[in-house]
Amino acid sequence: MQGLLVGDFADSFDEAYTALEKAVANGELQFEETIYNGFHKTPDAFLGLFSGENIGKQIVKVADKE
């Protein structure tokens, strides 16, 4: 058995990013996120990481993008 580090494949990052970006854009690759709205929800979001409440990426949305 041999472990690996993501950094071992740094030479392929640009190629992988391009392929993944294309797969997301055409719907071949989908992802889910758990979004908490408001800075006051930060503690709930943090604790949710340890209890398995999140699906995919855990985000705390503090403001709308301008």
Protein backbone atom coordinates (compact mmCIF):
# COMPACT_ATOMS: atom_id res chain seq x y z
CA MET A 1 0.00 0.00 0.00
CA GLN A 2 1.27 3.46 -0.86
CA GLY A 3 -0.22 6.77 0.15
CA LEU A 4 -0.37 9.83 -2.03
CA LEU A 5 -0.40 13.57 -1.64
CA VAL A 6 -2.28 15.92 -3.91
CA GLY A 7 0.94 17.86 -4.37
CA ASP A 8 2.44 14.80 -6.05
CA PHE A 9 0.27 15.67 -9.06
CA ALA A 10 0.90 19.43 -9.17
CA ASP A 11 2.11 19.18 -12.78
CA SER A 12 -1.40 18.05 -13.79
CA PHE A 13 -3.41 20.71 -11.90
CA ASP A 14 -4.08 22.92 -14.94
CA GLU A 15 -5.23 19.98 -17.05
CA ALA A 16 -7.44 18.66 -14.26
CA TYR A 17 -8.95 22.08 -13.55
CA THR A 18 -9.87 22.52 -17.22
CA ALA A 19 -11.44 19.05 -17.42
CA LEU A 20 -13.39 19.49 -14.18
CA GLU A 21 -14.60 22.96 -15.14
CA LYS A 22 -15.90 21.57 -18.44
CA ALA A 23 -17.61 18.63 -16.69
CA VAL A 24 -19.40 20.95 -14.25
CA ALA A 25 -20.45 23.33 -17.04
CA ASN A 26 -22.06 20.58 -19.14
CA GLY A 27 -23.68 18.80 -16.20
CA GLU A 28 -21.50 15.66 -16.20
CA LEU A 29 -20.24 16.49 -12.71
CA GLN A 30 -22.56 17.83 -10.05
CA PHE A 31 -21.92 18.84 -6.47
CA GLU A 32 -23.93 19.76 -3.41
CA GLU A 33 -23.35 22.38 -0.74
CA THR A 34 -24.81 23.14 2.66
CA ILE A 35 -25.28 26.89 3.01
CA TYR A 36 -25.97 28.74 6.26
CA ASN A 37 -27.20 32.30 5.78
CA GLY A 38 -25.82 34.98 8.09
CA PHE A 39 -22.65 35.39 10.11
CA HIS A 40 -24.61 34.56 13.27
CA LYS A 41 -24.97 30.99 11.93
CA THR A 42 -21.19 30.40 11.97
CA PRO A 43 -21.21 28.40 15.25
CA ASP A 44 -24.04 26.17 13.95
CA ALA A 45 -22.17 25.58 10.71
CA PHE A 46 -18.93 24.78 12.53
CA LEU A 47 -20.58 22.33 14.92
CA GLY A 48 -22.45 20.76 12.00
CA LEU A 49 -19.12 19.68 10.52
CA PHE A 50 -18.56 17.35 13.48
CA SER A 51 -22.04 15.87 13.54
CA GLY A 52 -22.29 15.16 9.82
CA GLU A 53 -25.04 17.68 9.12
CA ASN A 54 -23.44 19.02 5.97
CA ILE A 55 -23.65 17.59 2.48
CA GLY A 56 -20.64 18.53 0.39
CA LYS A 57 -19.04 21.88 1.03
CA GLN A 58 -20.10 23.75 4.18
CA ILE A 59 -20.61 27.49 3.53
CA VAL A 60 -21.57 30.44 5.69
CA LYS A 61 -22.96 33.16 3.44
CA VAL A 62 -22.40 36.52 5.12
CA ALA A 63 -23.36 38.89 2.28
CA ASP A 64 -24.58 38.93 -1.29
CA LYS A 65 -21.90 39.32 -3.92
CA GLU A 66 -21.81 42.82 -5.36
